[in-house]
Amino acid sequence: MKVNEIIVEHIGKVKGGYRLYSHKGKNLGTFSNKAGAEKHEREVQYFKHAGEGVEEAKATKTRLDPKCWKGKKIGNPKTKVKGGVRVNNCVPIEESQTFDHLTNKKLRRILVSGPKNLDEVVWAMDFTDDALRADYDDEMIDSRTFDARNNAFKQAQEAFHDEDGEFNPDADIHATLAHLKQFWLV
């Protein structure tokens, strides 16, 4: 019910208490106290206007696809009405989110399933090195977490590189991947 809406029903005092009258003057009930009459008046107003929102809801069709198309994600709010149809609110994914998602997917595949070639191990080492440098710049990281990650990365480097810091052709790839997994699990 709107605030500025005029209520045409009215309450009158009668011998037996209070009576609620319709706008046409019909008796809508007699109550022992005024609070009971006012309560019934609110109920009448509620049922009088109850169907107004239902027609609007029926007019809105729903088409919710299970997911958004490529390059989009479900935003907040999750749905919106577009052309009288309720649809998912698909918003563009920021470029960094796409990169992070693809990078995490690639790294996970390398660490879990194993690399397809040596270049993927080199990529994983470089990516982990960049992450460690970002950790070093991050003031919010716990020192124990940083030390544990730093130690795991040093062990991965020792398994993958020779004394000069160059790729070791006899490198233990399995040990390198195990240390990289340890880095990412910390």
N, C-alpha and C. Protein backbone atom coordinates (compact mmCIF):
# COMPACT_ATOMS: atom_id res chain seq x y z
N MET A 1 0.84 -1.16 0.00
CA MET A 1 0.00 0.00 0.00
C MET A 1 0.89 1.23 0.00
N LYS A 2 0.58 2.18 -0.83
CA LYS A 2 1.37 3.40 -0.93
C LYS A 2 1.02 4.33 0.22
N VAL A 3 1.98 5.14 0.61
CA VAL A 3 1.80 6.05 1.74
C VAL A 3 0.75 7.10 1.44
N ASN A 4 0.75 7.62 0.22
CA ASN A 4 -0.16 8.70 -0.12
C ASN A 4 -1.54 8.21 -0.58
N GLU A 5 -1.80 6.91 -0.52
CA GLU A 5 -3.06 6.34 -0.94
C GLU A 5 -4.14 6.65 0.08
N ILE A 6 -5.30 7.07 -0.39
CA ILE A 6 -6.40 7.40 0.51
C ILE A 6 -7.19 6.13 0.76
N ILE A 7 -7.39 5.84 2.04
CA ILE A 7 -8.16 4.66 2.41
C ILE A 7 -9.63 5.08 2.45
N VAL A 8 -10.45 4.44 1.64
CA VAL A 8 -11.85 4.83 1.55
C VAL A 8 -12.71 4.09 2.58
N GLU A 9 -12.21 3.00 3.14
CA GLU A 9 -12.93 2.35 4.22
C GLU A 9 -12.80 3.24 5.45
N HIS A 10 -13.82 3.21 6.31
CA HIS A 10 -13.71 4.00 7.52
C HIS A 10 -14.29 3.23 8.70
N ILE A 11 -13.89 3.65 9.88
CA ILE A 11 -14.30 3.00 11.12
C ILE A 11 -15.26 3.94 11.84
N GLY A 12 -16.39 3.38 12.23
CA GLY A 12 -17.37 4.18 12.97
C GLY A 12 -17.66 3.56 14.33
N LYS A 13 -17.99 4.41 15.31
CA LYS A 13 -18.31 3.93 16.67
C LYS A 13 -19.80 3.61 16.69
N VAL A 14 -20.08 2.40 17.13
CA VAL A 14 -21.47 1.96 17.26
C VAL A 14 -21.69 1.45 18.68
N LYS A 15 -22.92 1.08 18.98
CA LYS A 15 -23.28 0.65 20.32
C LYS A 15 -22.46 -0.55 20.78
N GLY A 16 -22.18 -1.52 19.92
CA GLY A 16 -21.46 -2.74 20.31
C GLY A 16 -19.95 -2.62 20.21
N GLY A 17 -19.41 -1.48 19.80
CA GLY A 17 -17.97 -1.31 19.66
C GLY A 17 -17.63 -0.45 18.46
N TYR A 18 -16.81 -0.99 17.55
CA TYR A 18 -16.38 -0.25 16.36
C TYR A 18 -16.71 -1.06 15.12
N ARG A 19 -17.23 -0.35 14.10
CA ARG A 19 -17.62 -1.03 12.87
C ARG A 19 -16.81 -0.49 11.71
N LEU A 20 -16.36 -1.42 10.84
CA LEU A 20 -15.63 -1.06 9.64
C LEU A 20 -16.60 -1.04 8.48
N TYR A 21 -16.63 0.10 7.74
CA TYR A 21 -17.52 0.27 6.61
C TYR A 21 -16.70 0.37 5.33
N SER A 22 -17.24 -0.21 4.24
CA SER A 22 -16.60 -0.07 2.93
C SER A 22 -16.91 1.30 2.36
N HIS A 23 -16.31 1.62 1.23
CA HIS A 23 -16.56 2.92 0.59
C HIS A 23 -18.00 3.01 0.09
N LYS A 24 -18.68 1.86 -0.08
CA LYS A 24 -20.07 1.85 -0.50
C LYS A 24 -21.02 1.84 0.70
N GLY A 25 -20.44 1.81 1.90
CA GLY A 25 -21.26 1.84 3.11
C GLY A 25 -21.62 0.47 3.66
N LYS A 26 -21.06 -0.59 3.06
CA LYS A 26 -21.37 -1.94 3.55
C LYS A 26 -20.63 -2.21 4.84
N ASN A 27 -21.25 -3.00 5.70
CA ASN A 27 -20.65 -3.39 6.98
C ASN A 27 -19.59 -4.46 6.71
N LEU A 28 -18.34 -4.17 7.05
CA LEU A 28 -17.25 -5.14 6.87
C LEU A 28 -16.88 -5.82 8.19
N GLY A 29 -17.63 -5.54 9.24
CA GLY A 29 -17.38 -6.21 10.51
C GLY A 29 -17.49 -5.27 11.69
N THR A 30 -17.91 -5.84 12.82
CA THR A 30 -18.01 -5.08 14.06
C THR A 30 -17.01 -5.67 15.04
N PHE A 31 -16.27 -4.81 15.72
CA PHE A 31 -15.18 -5.25 16.59
C PHE A 31 -15.33 -4.61 17.96
N SER A 32 -14.90 -5.31 18.99
CA SER A 32 -15.06 -4.83 20.37
C SER A 32 -14.16 -3.63 20.66
N ASN A 33 -13.01 -3.53 19.95
CA ASN A 33 -12.12 -2.38 20.18
C ASN A 33 -11.66 -1.80 18.85
N LYS A 34 -11.13 -0.59 18.91
CA LYS A 34 -10.71 0.11 17.69
C LYS A 34 -9.50 -0.57 17.05
N ALA A 35 -8.60 -1.14 17.87
CA ALA A 35 -7.41 -1.82 17.33
C ALA A 35 -7.81 -3.00 16.45
N GLY A 36 -8.85 -3.76 16.84
CA GLY A 36 -9.33 -4.88 16.03
C GLY A 36 -9.88 -4.41 14.70
N ALA A 37 -10.61 -3.28 14.71
CA ALA A 37 -11.16 -2.72 13.48
C ALA A 37 -10.05 -2.24 12.56
N GLU A 38 -9.03 -1.59 13.14
CA GLU A 38 -7.90 -1.11 12.34
C GLU A 38 -7.12 -2.27 11.73
N LYS A 39 -6.98 -3.35 12.51
CA LYS A 39 -6.28 -4.54 11.99
C LYS A 39 -7.04 -5.12 10.80
N HIS A 40 -8.35 -5.22 10.92
CA HIS A 40 -9.15 -5.77 9.83
C HIS A 40 -9.10 -4.83 8.61
N GLU A 41 -9.05 -3.53 8.86
CA GLU A 41 -8.94 -2.56 7.77
C GLU A 41 -7.65 -2.79 6.98
N ARG A 42 -6.54 -3.04 7.69
CA ARG A 42 -5.27 -3.34 7.02
C ARG A 42 -5.36 -4.63 6.21
N GLU A 43 -6.04 -5.64 6.78
CA GLU A 43 -6.22 -6.91 6.05
C GLU A 43 -7.03 -6.71 4.78
N VAL A 44 -8.08 -5.90 4.87
CA VAL A 44 -8.90 -5.62 3.69
C VAL A 44 -8.05 -4.93 2.62
N GLN A 45 -7.25 -3.93 3.03
CA GLN A 45 -6.39 -3.23 2.09
C GLN A 45 -5.37 -4.18 1.45
N TYR A 46 -4.83 -5.10 2.25
CA TYR A 46 -3.85 -6.05 1.74
C TYR A 46 -4.48 -6.92 0.65
N PHE A 47 -5.66 -7.50 0.94
CA PHE A 47 -6.28 -8.38 -0.04
C PHE A 47 -6.84 -7.61 -1.23
N LYS A 48 -7.19 -6.37 -1.01
CA LYS A 48 -7.68 -5.54 -2.09
C LYS A 48 -6.60 -5.30 -3.14
N HIS A 49 -5.33 -5.18 -2.69
CA HIS A 49 -4.22 -4.87 -3.59
C HIS A 49 -3.27 -6.05 -3.79
N ALA A 50 -3.64 -7.23 -3.30
CA ALA A 50 -2.73 -8.39 -3.36
C ALA A 50 -2.42 -8.82 -4.78
N GLY A 51 -3.35 -8.73 -5.71
CA GLY A 51 -3.14 -9.22 -7.07
C GLY A 51 -2.35 -8.28 -7.96
N GLU A 52 -2.09 -7.06 -7.50
CA GLU A 52 -1.41 -6.09 -8.36
C GLU A 52 0.00 -6.53 -8.73
N GLY A 53 0.77 -7.08 -7.80
CA GLY A 53 2.12 -7.53 -8.08
C GLY A 53 2.16 -8.82 -8.87
N VAL A 54 1.11 -9.64 -8.75
CA VAL A 54 1.07 -10.94 -9.43
C VAL A 54 1.00 -10.75 -10.94
N GLU A 55 0.20 -9.81 -11.40
CA GLU A 55 0.08 -9.57 -12.84
C GLU A 55 1.41 -9.11 -13.42
N GLU A 56 2.13 -8.28 -12.67
CA GLU A 56 3.45 -7.81 -13.11
C GLU A 56 4.43 -8.97 -13.19
N ALA A 57 4.37 -9.86 -12.20
CA ALA A 57 5.27 -11.02 -12.19
C ALA A 57 4.95 -11.97 -13.34
N LYS A 58 3.65 -12.13 -13.67
CA LYS A 58 3.27 -13.00 -14.78
C LYS A 58 3.76 -12.43 -16.10
N ALA A 59 3.79 -11.10 -16.21
CA ALA A 59 4.22 -10.45 -17.45
C ALA A 59 5.71 -10.64 -17.70
N THR A 60 6.49 -10.88 -16.62
CA THR A 60 7.94 -11.05 -16.76
C THR A 60 8.25 -12.52 -17.01
N LYS A 61 8.78 -12.83 -18.17
CA LYS A 61 9.19 -14.19 -18.49
C LYS A 61 10.60 -14.41 -17.94
N THR A 62 10.97 -15.66 -17.79
CA THR A 62 12.29 -15.96 -17.26
C THR A 62 13.08 -16.79 -18.26
N ARG A 63 14.32 -16.37 -18.52
CA ARG A 63 15.23 -17.14 -19.35
C ARG A 63 16.60 -17.08 -18.69
N LEU A 64 16.91 -18.09 -17.88
CA LEU A 64 18.18 -18.12 -17.17
C LEU A 64 19.03 -19.24 -17.75
N ASP A 65 20.03 -18.85 -18.50
CA ASP A 65 20.96 -19.83 -19.05
C ASP A 65 21.85 -20.34 -17.93
N PRO A 66 22.34 -21.59 -18.02
CA PRO A 66 23.16 -22.12 -16.93
C PRO A 66 24.45 -21.34 -16.70
N LYS A 67 24.99 -20.71 -17.73
CA LYS A 67 26.21 -19.92 -17.55
C LYS A 67 26.25 -18.83 -18.62
N CYS A 68 27.16 -17.90 -18.43
CA CYS A 68 27.34 -16.80 -19.39
C CYS A 68 28.25 -17.25 -20.53
N TRP A 69 28.26 -16.47 -21.59
CA TRP A 69 29.10 -16.78 -22.73
C TRP A 69 30.55 -16.43 -22.44
N LYS A 70 31.44 -16.80 -23.38
CA LYS A 70 32.87 -16.62 -23.19
C LYS A 70 33.22 -15.15 -22.95
N GLY A 71 34.08 -14.91 -21.96
CA GLY A 71 34.51 -13.56 -21.63
C GLY A 71 33.57 -12.84 -20.67
N LYS A 72 32.53 -13.54 -20.19
CA LYS A 72 31.55 -12.94 -19.28
C LYS A 72 31.41 -13.82 -18.04
N LYS A 73 30.93 -13.21 -16.96
CA LYS A 73 30.64 -13.94 -15.73
C LYS A 73 29.35 -13.38 -15.15
N ILE A 74 28.71 -14.13 -14.27
CA ILE A 74 27.49 -13.66 -13.64
C ILE A 74 27.87 -12.60 -12.61
N GLY A 75 27.25 -11.43 -12.74
CA GLY A 75 27.58 -10.29 -11.89
C GLY A 75 26.71 -10.22 -10.64
N ASN A 76 26.71 -9.05 -10.03
CA ASN A 76 25.92 -8.82 -8.84
C ASN A 76 25.07 -7.59 -9.10
N PRO A 77 23.77 -7.67 -9.13
CA PRO A 77 22.90 -8.79 -8.84
C PRO A 77 22.98 -9.87 -9.92
N LYS A 78 22.58 -11.07 -9.57
CA LYS A 78 22.74 -12.21 -10.47
C LYS A 78 21.81 -12.14 -11.69
N THR A 79 20.64 -11.52 -11.53
CA THR A 79 19.70 -11.44 -12.65
C THR A 79 19.23 -10.01 -12.84
N LYS A 80 18.65 -9.77 -14.03
CA LYS A 80 18.05 -8.47 -14.33
C LYS A 80 16.92 -8.69 -15.32
N VAL A 81 16.02 -7.71 -15.45
CA VAL A 81 14.94 -7.80 -16.41
C VAL A 81 15.36 -7.00 -17.64
N LYS A 82 15.34 -7.67 -18.79
CA LYS A 82 15.76 -7.03 -20.04
C LYS A 82 14.68 -7.33 -21.08
N GLY A 83 13.99 -6.28 -21.54
CA GLY A 83 12.93 -6.47 -22.53
C GLY A 83 11.78 -7.31 -22.02
N GLY A 84 11.47 -7.20 -20.73
CA GLY A 84 10.37 -7.96 -20.14
C GLY A 84 10.72 -9.40 -19.81
N VAL A 85 11.98 -9.78 -19.96
CA VAL A 85 12.43 -11.14 -19.69
C VAL A 85 13.52 -11.11 -18.62
N ARG A 86 13.42 -11.95 -17.60
CA ARG A 86 14.43 -12.03 -16.56
C ARG A 86 15.58 -12.90 -17.09
N VAL A 87 16.78 -12.30 -17.13
CA VAL A 87 17.96 -12.99 -17.66
C VAL A 87 19.12 -12.88 -16.68
N ASN A 88 20.15 -13.71 -16.88
CA ASN A 88 21.37 -13.59 -16.08
C ASN A 88 22.00 -12.23 -16.34
N ASN A 89 22.58 -11.66 -15.30
CA ASN A 89 23.30 -10.40 -15.43
C ASN A 89 24.76 -10.73 -15.75
N CYS A 90 25.06 -10.93 -17.03
CA CYS A 90 26.41 -11.30 -17.46
C CYS A 90 27.23 -10.03 -17.66
N VAL A 91 28.35 -9.94 -16.95
CA VAL A 91 29.23 -8.77 -17.03
C VAL A 91 30.60 -9.22 -17.53
N PRO A 92 31.36 -8.32 -18.15
CA PRO A 92 32.68 -8.70 -18.67
C PRO A 92 33.63 -9.10 -17.55
N ILE A 93 34.43 -10.11 -17.83
CA ILE A 93 35.49 -10.52 -16.91
C ILE A 93 36.67 -9.60 -17.15
N GLU A 94 37.25 -9.10 -16.08
CA GLU A 94 38.43 -8.26 -16.23
C GLU A 94 39.57 -9.11 -16.81
N GLU A 95 40.43 -8.48 -17.59
CA GLU A 95 41.51 -9.20 -18.27
C GLU A 95 42.39 -9.93 -17.27
N SER A 96 42.70 -9.32 -16.13
CA SER A 96 43.56 -9.96 -15.15
C SER A 96 42.91 -11.20 -14.57
N GLN A 97 41.56 -11.18 -14.41
CA GLN A 97 40.87 -12.36 -13.90
C GLN A 97 40.97 -13.51 -14.90
N THR A 98 40.83 -13.21 -16.19
CA THR A 98 40.94 -14.24 -17.21
C THR A 98 42.35 -14.81 -17.21
N PHE A 99 43.36 -13.95 -17.15
CA PHE A 99 44.74 -14.41 -17.14
C PHE A 99 44.99 -15.29 -15.92
N ASP A 100 44.55 -14.83 -14.74
CA ASP A 100 44.76 -15.61 -13.52
C ASP A 100 44.09 -16.97 -13.63
N HIS A 101 42.86 -17.00 -14.15
CA HIS A 101 42.14 -18.26 -14.27
C HIS A 101 42.88 -19.22 -15.21
N LEU A 102 43.28 -18.72 -16.37
CA LEU A 102 43.98 -19.58 -17.34
C LEU A 102 45.34 -20.02 -16.80
N THR A 103 46.04 -19.10 -16.12
CA THR A 103 47.35 -19.42 -15.56
C THR A 103 47.22 -20.49 -14.48
N ASN A 104 46.25 -20.32 -13.58
CA ASN A 104 46.05 -21.31 -12.52
C ASN A 104 45.68 -22.67 -13.10
N LYS A 105 44.89 -22.67 -14.16
CA LYS A 105 44.50 -23.92 -14.80
C LYS A 105 45.72 -24.62 -15.40
N LYS A 106 46.57 -23.84 -16.08
CA LYS A 106 47.77 -24.40 -16.70
C LYS A 106 48.73 -24.92 -15.63
N LEU A 107 48.96 -24.12 -14.58
CA LEU A 107 49.87 -24.53 -13.52
C LEU A 107 49.36 -25.80 -12.83
N ARG A 108 48.06 -25.85 -12.55
CA ARG A 108 47.48 -27.02 -11.91
C ARG A 108 47.69 -28.27 -12.78
N ARG A 109 47.47 -28.12 -14.09
CA ARG A 109 47.66 -29.26 -14.99
C ARG A 109 49.10 -29.74 -14.97
N ILE A 110 50.06 -28.80 -15.00
CA ILE A 110 51.48 -29.17 -15.00
C ILE A 110 51.85 -29.89 -13.71
N LEU A 111 51.39 -29.35 -12.58
CA LEU A 111 51.77 -29.94 -11.29
C LEU A 111 51.06 -31.26 -11.00
N VAL A 112 49.85 -31.40 -11.46
CA VAL A 112 49.09 -32.62 -11.17
C VAL A 112 49.34 -33.70 -12.21
N SER A 113 49.19 -33.34 -13.48
CA SER A 113 49.30 -34.34 -14.54
C SER A 113 50.72 -34.50 -15.08
N GLY A 114 51.56 -33.54 -14.78
CA GLY A 114 52.92 -33.58 -15.30
C GLY A 114 53.06 -32.73 -16.55
N PRO A 115 54.25 -32.24 -16.81
CA PRO A 115 54.46 -31.36 -17.97
C PRO A 115 54.47 -32.16 -19.28
N LYS A 116 54.04 -31.49 -20.36
CA LYS A 116 54.09 -32.11 -21.68
C LYS A 116 55.51 -32.06 -22.24
N ASN A 117 56.24 -31.00 -21.86
CA ASN A 117 57.61 -30.85 -22.35
C ASN A 117 58.40 -30.03 -21.33
N LEU A 118 59.66 -29.86 -21.60
CA LEU A 118 60.56 -29.13 -20.70
C LEU A 118 60.20 -27.65 -20.61
N ASP A 119 59.68 -27.10 -21.70
CA ASP A 119 59.29 -25.68 -21.69
C ASP A 119 58.23 -25.39 -20.63
N GLU A 120 57.34 -26.34 -20.38
CA GLU A 120 56.31 -26.14 -19.37
C GLU A 120 56.92 -26.11 -17.96
N VAL A 121 57.97 -26.89 -17.73
CA VAL A 121 58.64 -26.86 -16.43
C VAL A 121 59.34 -25.52 -16.26
N VAL A 122 59.98 -25.04 -17.31
CA VAL A 122 60.64 -23.73 -17.26
C VAL A 122 59.59 -22.65 -16.99
N TRP A 123 58.44 -22.73 -17.67
CA TRP A 123 57.36 -21.77 -17.45
C TRP A 123 56.90 -21.81 -15.98
N ALA A 124 56.69 -23.00 -15.44
CA ALA A 124 56.23 -23.16 -14.06
C ALA A 124 57.26 -22.58 -13.09
N MET A 125 58.54 -22.79 -13.36
CA MET A 125 59.59 -22.23 -12.49
C MET A 125 59.57 -20.69 -12.55
N ASP A 126 59.46 -20.14 -13.76
CA ASP A 126 59.41 -18.68 -13.91
C ASP A 126 58.18 -18.09 -13.23
N PHE A 127 57.04 -18.74 -13.42
CA PHE A 127 55.80 -18.26 -12.82
C PHE A 127 55.89 -18.30 -11.29
N THR A 128 56.46 -19.37 -10.75
CA THR A 128 56.62 -19.49 -9.30
C THR A 128 57.60 -18.45 -8.78
N ASP A 129 58.65 -18.18 -9.53
CA ASP A 129 59.62 -17.15 -9.15
C ASP A 129 58.94 -15.78 -9.08
N ASP A 130 58.08 -15.48 -10.07
CA ASP A 130 57.33 -14.22 -10.07
C ASP A 130 56.40 -14.14 -8.86
N ALA A 131 55.78 -15.26 -8.53
CA ALA A 131 54.88 -15.29 -7.37
C ALA A 131 55.65 -15.05 -6.08
N LEU A 132 56.84 -15.63 -5.99
CA LEU A 132 57.67 -15.43 -4.80
C LEU A 132 58.09 -13.96 -4.67
N ARG A 133 58.44 -13.33 -5.79
CA ARG A 133 58.80 -11.91 -5.76
C ARG A 133 57.60 -11.05 -5.35
N ALA A 134 56.41 -11.42 -5.80
CA ALA A 134 55.20 -10.70 -5.40
C ALA A 134 54.94 -10.88 -3.91
N ASP A 135 55.21 -12.10 -3.39
CA ASP A 135 55.09 -12.35 -1.95
C ASP A 135 56.04 -11.45 -1.17
N TYR A 136 57.26 -11.29 -1.69
CA TYR A 136 58.27 -10.47 -1.02
C TYR A 136 57.81 -9.01 -0.94
N ASP A 137 57.14 -8.54 -2.01
CA ASP A 137 56.65 -7.17 -2.05
C ASP A 137 55.38 -6.97 -1.23
N ASP A 138 54.69 -8.07 -0.95
CA ASP A 138 53.42 -8.00 -0.22
C ASP A 138 53.69 -7.86 1.27
N GLU A 139 53.27 -6.74 1.83
CA GLU A 139 53.51 -6.49 3.25
C GLU A 139 52.58 -7.29 4.15
N MET A 140 51.50 -7.83 3.58
CA MET A 140 50.51 -8.53 4.39
C MET A 140 50.83 -10.02 4.60
N ILE A 141 51.82 -10.55 3.90
CA ILE A 141 52.10 -11.98 3.99
C ILE A 141 52.83 -12.28 5.31
N ASP A 142 52.48 -13.38 5.90
CA ASP A 142 53.08 -13.84 7.15
C ASP A 142 54.53 -14.27 6.87
N SER A 143 55.46 -13.94 7.76
CA SER A 143 56.88 -14.26 7.53
C SER A 143 57.12 -15.77 7.48
N ARG A 144 56.36 -16.54 8.28
CA ARG A 144 56.53 -18.00 8.23
C ARG A 144 56.09 -18.56 6.88
N THR A 145 55.02 -18.01 6.34
CA THR A 145 54.54 -18.45 5.03
C THR A 145 55.58 -18.11 3.96
N PHE A 146 56.10 -16.89 4.02
CA PHE A 146 57.10 -16.49 3.03
C PHE A 146 58.34 -17.38 3.14
N ASP A 147 58.81 -17.64 4.36
CA ASP A 147 60.00 -18.47 4.55
C ASP A 147 59.77 -19.89 4.01
N ALA A 148 58.61 -20.45 4.28
CA ALA A 148 58.30 -21.80 3.79
C ALA A 148 58.26 -21.84 2.27
N ARG A 149 57.64 -20.83 1.66
CA ARG A 149 57.57 -20.77 0.19
C ARG A 149 58.96 -20.55 -0.40
N ASN A 150 59.73 -19.68 0.22
CA ASN A 150 61.08 -19.39 -0.25
C ASN A 150 61.94 -20.66 -0.20
N ASN A 151 61.83 -21.41 0.89
CA ASN A 151 62.60 -22.65 1.05
C ASN A 151 62.20 -23.68 -0.02
N ALA A 152 60.89 -23.83 -0.26
CA ALA A 152 60.42 -24.79 -1.27
C ALA A 152 60.92 -24.40 -2.66
N PHE A 153 60.91 -23.10 -2.97
CA PHE A 153 61.38 -22.66 -4.28
C PHE A 153 62.88 -22.87 -4.44
N LYS A 154 63.65 -22.61 -3.36
CA LYS A 154 65.10 -22.85 -3.43
C LYS A 154 65.39 -24.33 -3.70
N GLN A 155 64.64 -25.22 -3.07
CA GLN A 155 64.83 -26.66 -3.31
C GLN A 155 64.48 -27.03 -4.75
N ALA A 156 63.41 -26.39 -5.30
CA ALA A 156 63.05 -26.64 -6.69
C ALA A 156 64.16 -26.15 -7.62
N GLN A 157 64.75 -24.99 -7.30
CA GLN A 157 65.85 -24.47 -8.11
C GLN A 157 67.06 -25.40 -8.05
N GLU A 158 67.37 -25.90 -6.87
CA GLU A 158 68.52 -26.81 -6.73
C GLU A 158 68.32 -28.09 -7.53
N ALA A 159 67.08 -28.57 -7.59
CA ALA A 159 66.80 -29.79 -8.34
C ALA A 159 66.81 -29.54 -9.85
N PHE A 160 66.53 -28.30 -10.27
CA PHE A 160 66.37 -28.01 -11.69
C PHE A 160 67.60 -27.37 -12.32
N HIS A 161 68.37 -26.60 -11.54
CA HIS A 161 69.53 -25.89 -12.08
C HIS A 161 70.84 -26.48 -11.58
N ASP A 162 71.90 -26.19 -12.31
CA ASP A 162 73.24 -26.60 -11.84
C ASP A 162 73.82 -25.49 -10.95
N GLU A 163 75.11 -25.61 -10.60
CA GLU A 163 75.75 -24.65 -9.70
C GLU A 163 75.80 -23.24 -10.28
N ASP A 164 75.81 -23.11 -11.61
CA ASP A 164 75.89 -21.80 -12.26
C ASP A 164 74.51 -21.16 -12.44
N GLY A 165 73.47 -21.83 -12.02
CA GLY A 165 72.11 -21.30 -12.17
C GLY A 165 71.52 -21.56 -13.54
N GLU A 166 72.17 -22.39 -14.33
CA GLU A 166 71.68 -22.75 -15.66
C GLU A 166 70.90 -24.06 -15.55
N PHE A 167 70.09 -24.34 -16.60
CA PHE A 167 69.33 -25.59 -16.61
C PHE A 167 70.27 -26.78 -16.60
N ASN A 168 69.98 -27.70 -15.75
CA ASN A 168 70.76 -28.92 -15.64
C ASN A 168 70.10 -29.99 -16.51
N PRO A 169 70.79 -30.49 -17.56
CA PRO A 169 70.18 -31.51 -18.42
C PRO A 169 69.86 -32.80 -17.66
N ASP A 170 70.55 -33.03 -16.56
CA ASP A 170 70.28 -34.22 -15.74
C ASP A 170 69.34 -33.89 -14.58
N ALA A 171 68.57 -32.81 -14.71
CA ALA A 171 67.70 -32.36 -13.62
C ALA A 171 66.65 -33.41 -13.29
N ASP A 172 66.34 -33.48 -12.02
CA ASP A 172 65.29 -34.38 -11.54
C ASP A 172 63.96 -33.62 -11.62
N ILE A 173 63.25 -33.83 -12.73
CA ILE A 173 62.00 -33.11 -12.99
C ILE A 173 60.96 -33.44 -11.92
N HIS A 174 60.89 -34.70 -11.49
CA HIS A 174 59.90 -35.10 -10.48
C HIS A 174 60.15 -34.39 -9.15
N ALA A 175 61.42 -34.26 -8.76
CA ALA A 175 61.76 -33.54 -7.52
C ALA A 175 61.43 -32.05 -7.67
N THR A 176 61.71 -31.49 -8.84
CA THR A 176 61.39 -30.09 -9.09
C THR A 176 59.90 -29.84 -8.95
N LEU A 177 59.10 -30.71 -9.58
CA LEU A 177 57.64 -30.55 -9.50
C LEU A 177 57.14 -30.76 -8.07
N ALA A 178 57.75 -31.69 -7.33
CA ALA A 178 57.35 -31.92 -5.94
C ALA A 178 57.59 -30.67 -5.09
N HIS A 179 58.72 -30.00 -5.30
CA HIS A 179 59.01 -28.77 -4.55
C HIS A 179 58.09 -27.62 -4.98
N LEU A 180 57.77 -27.56 -6.27
CA LEU A 180 56.83 -26.53 -6.73
C LEU A 180 55.44 -26.77 -6.13
N LYS A 181 55.03 -28.03 -6.05
CA LYS A 181 53.75 -28.34 -5.40
C LYS A 181 53.77 -27.88 -3.95
N GLN A 182 54.88 -28.13 -3.28
CA GLN A 182 55.02 -27.72 -1.88
C GLN A 182 54.90 -26.20 -1.77
N PHE A 183 55.52 -25.48 -2.69
CA PHE A 183 55.44 -24.02 -2.72
C PHE A 183 53.99 -23.57 -2.77
N TRP A 184 53.22 -24.16 -3.69
CA TRP A 184 51.83 -23.72 -3.90
C TRP A 184 50.89 -24.22 -2.82
N LEU A 185 51.29 -25.22 -2.07
CA LEU A 185 50.44 -25.72 -0.99
C LEU A 185 50.59 -24.92 0.30
N VAL A 186 51.66 -24.15 0.41
CA VAL A 186 51.89 -23.36 1.63
C VAL A 186 50.92 -22.20 1.66
